[in-house]
Amino acid sequence: MYPEELIAPMRAELTDVGFQEFRTSEDVENHLKEHKGTTFIVINSVCGCAAGAARPGVRYALDKSDAKPSVLATVFAGNDKGAVDSVRKHHLPYPPSSPAMALFKDGELVHFVERHHIEGRNAQMIGDHLVEVFDHFCK
């Protein structure tokens, strides 16, 4: 586990724009079981592609998109183990990946962005992709 004081600013990059944190498997399971509508979950990470592209890309998409998921949530790989494991169970058959992004509709996975879709891309490219995804699934 990473020291909380190290990752607090990384968490804040998402919570400051409206993301709620799922810290336990119960948080994830209870939400996905009960929620009707769209839920966008970002599996956050300390890696460079999370800092340089993933989190800025997510913020860009939320700023640019007219259609947004009804719930924004995040889990932190390396710290929120139970929550991350639960999200990963729900994004099968995709392998574990962080950072990563999952869009659920009525509790079912409808779109997944793996780490290899993030690496080598800049924030605007990721954000533009997410705008298209939100427009398709969140209207």
Protein backbone atom coordinates (compact mmCIF):
# COMPACT_ATOMS: atom_id res chain seq x y z
CA MET A 1 0.00 0.00 0.00
CA TYR A 2 1.11 3.50 -0.79
CA PRO A 3 1.23 6.06 2.01
CA GLU A 4 -2.04 7.97 2.00
CA GLU A 5 -0.24 11.33 2.09
CA LEU A 6 1.49 10.36 -1.17
CA ILE A 7 -1.67 9.49 -3.05
CA ALA A 8 -4.03 12.07 -1.53
CA PRO A 9 -3.30 14.63 -4.29
CA MET A 10 -3.85 11.93 -6.93
CA ARG A 11 -7.20 11.03 -5.37
CA ALA A 12 -8.10 14.74 -5.23
CA GLU A 13 -7.60 15.18 -8.98
CA LEU A 14 -10.80 13.17 -9.39
CA THR A 15 -12.72 13.85 -6.18
CA ASP A 16 -12.33 17.60 -6.72
CA VAL A 17 -14.36 17.26 -9.95
CA GLY A 18 -17.17 15.22 -8.43
CA PHE A 19 -15.93 11.63 -8.17
CA GLN A 20 -16.92 9.61 -5.14
CA GLU A 21 -14.49 7.09 -3.76
CA PHE A 22 -15.33 3.43 -3.46
CA ARG A 23 -12.90 2.16 -0.82
CA THR A 24 -14.32 -1.32 -0.16
CA SER A 25 -15.74 -4.19 -2.14
CA GLU A 26 -19.08 -3.54 -0.41
CA ASP A 27 -19.09 0.02 -1.81
CA VAL A 28 -18.69 -1.33 -5.34
CA GLU A 29 -21.05 -4.29 -5.00
CA ASN A 30 -23.84 -2.34 -3.33
CA HIS A 31 -23.66 0.41 -5.91
CA LEU A 32 -23.57 -1.77 -9.01
CA LYS A 33 -26.30 -4.05 -7.67
CA GLU A 34 -28.70 -1.20 -6.93
CA HIS A 35 -27.89 1.57 -9.40
CA LYS A 36 -30.00 2.21 -12.47
CA GLY A 37 -28.27 4.47 -14.96
CA THR A 38 -24.64 4.93 -15.86
CA THR A 39 -21.62 4.66 -13.57
CA PHE A 40 -18.12 5.59 -14.69
CA ILE A 41 -15.40 4.07 -12.50
CA VAL A 42 -11.77 5.10 -12.86
CA ILE A 43 -9.18 2.69 -11.50
CA ASN A 44 -6.67 5.30 -10.41
CA SER A 45 -2.93 4.68 -10.13
CA VAL A 46 0.37 6.31 -9.16
CA CYS A 47 1.95 5.64 -12.56
CA GLY A 48 3.00 8.32 -14.99
CA CYS A 49 0.31 7.56 -17.55
CA ALA A 50 -2.35 8.10 -14.87
CA ALA A 51 -0.87 11.47 -13.97
CA GLY A 52 -0.04 12.62 -17.47
CA ALA A 53 -2.94 11.29 -19.49
CA ALA A 54 -5.67 9.35 -17.65
CA ARG A 55 -6.76 11.78 -14.94
CA PRO A 56 -6.34 14.88 -17.15
CA GLY A 57 -8.18 13.06 -19.96
CA VAL A 58 -11.10 12.25 -17.67
CA ARG A 59 -11.33 15.87 -16.50
CA TYR A 60 -11.14 17.07 -20.11
CA ALA A 61 -14.00 14.74 -21.13
CA LEU A 62 -16.21 15.87 -18.28
CA ASP A 63 -15.56 19.47 -19.25
CA LYS A 64 -16.29 18.93 -22.97
CA SER A 65 -19.12 16.39 -22.96
CA ASP A 66 -22.79 17.30 -22.91
CA ALA A 67 -23.65 13.76 -21.82
CA LYS A 68 -22.17 12.58 -18.56
CA PRO A 69 -22.49 9.42 -16.50
CA SER A 70 -24.99 9.73 -13.67
CA VAL A 71 -22.37 8.54 -11.15
CA LEU A 72 -18.63 9.18 -11.17
CA ALA A 73 -16.57 6.91 -8.94
CA THR A 74 -12.96 5.97 -8.41
CA VAL A 75 -10.93 3.24 -6.74
CA PHE A 76 -7.18 3.41 -6.16
CA ALA A 77 -5.00 0.49 -7.25
CA GLY A 78 -2.51 -0.41 -4.56
CA ASN A 79 -4.65 0.96 -1.73
CA ASP A 80 -8.36 0.20 -2.13
CA LYS A 81 -7.69 -3.50 -2.65
CA GLY A 82 -11.19 -4.83 -2.02
CA ALA A 83 -12.81 -2.15 -4.16
CA VAL A 84 -10.32 -2.65 -7.00
CA ASP A 85 -10.80 -6.43 -6.89
CA SER A 86 -14.58 -5.98 -7.11
CA VAL A 87 -14.37 -3.61 -10.08
CA ARG A 88 -11.98 -6.03 -11.78
CA LYS A 89 -14.43 -8.88 -11.23
CA HIS A 90 -17.09 -6.80 -12.96
CA HIS A 91 -14.89 -5.89 -15.92
CA LEU A 92 -14.09 -9.45 -16.93
CA PRO A 93 -13.06 -10.71 -19.48
CA TYR A 94 -10.65 -7.77 -19.53
CA PRO A 95 -7.49 -8.48 -17.52
CA PRO A 96 -6.46 -6.45 -14.46
CA SER A 97 -5.17 -3.08 -15.54
CA SER A 98 -4.39 0.25 -13.92
CA PRO A 99 -5.05 2.89 -14.70
CA ALA A 100 -8.25 1.83 -16.40
CA MET A 101 -11.78 3.12 -16.88
CA ALA A 102 -15.06 1.23 -16.85
CA LEU A 103 -18.50 2.46 -17.84
CA PHE A 104 -21.45 0.50 -16.48
CA LYS A 105 -25.10 0.88 -17.42
CA ASP A 106 -27.62 -0.58 -14.98
CA GLY A 107 -24.75 -2.48 -13.35
CA GLU A 108 -23.48 -4.07 -16.58
CA LEU A 109 -20.17 -3.23 -18.22
CA VAL A 110 -20.72 -1.41 -21.53
CA HIS A 111 -17.26 0.05 -22.23
CA PHE A 112 -13.75 -0.49 -20.89
CA VAL A 113 -10.53 1.44 -21.40
CA GLU A 114 -7.45 -0.63 -20.61
CA ARG A 115 -4.03 0.70 -19.67
CA HIS A 116 -2.68 -0.02 -23.15
CA HIS A 117 -5.36 2.33 -24.52
CA ILE A 118 -4.01 5.04 -22.21
CA GLU A 119 -0.25 4.60 -22.59
CA GLY A 120 1.21 6.60 -25.45
CA ARG A 121 -1.87 8.79 -25.80
CA ASN A 122 -2.23 12.31 -24.51
CA ALA A 123 -5.00 13.64 -22.30
CA GLN A 124 -6.95 15.19 -25.18
CA MET A 125 -6.96 11.93 -27.15
CA ILE A 126 -8.26 10.04 -24.12
CA GLY A 127 -10.75 12.80 -23.36
CA ASP A 128 -12.06 12.90 -26.93
CA HIS A 129 -12.58 9.13 -26.82
CA LEU A 130 -14.48 9.42 -23.53
CA VAL A 131 -16.67 12.20 -24.94
CA GLU A 132 -17.74 9.81 -27.72
CA VAL A 133 -18.36 7.02 -25.20
CA PHE A 134 -20.42 9.29 -22.94
CA ASP A 135 -22.40 10.60 -25.92
CA HIS A 136 -23.20 7.04 -26.97
CA PHE A 137 -24.11 5.52 -23.59
CA CYS A 138 -25.13 8.40 -21.30
CA LYS A 139 -27.80 10.27 -23.25
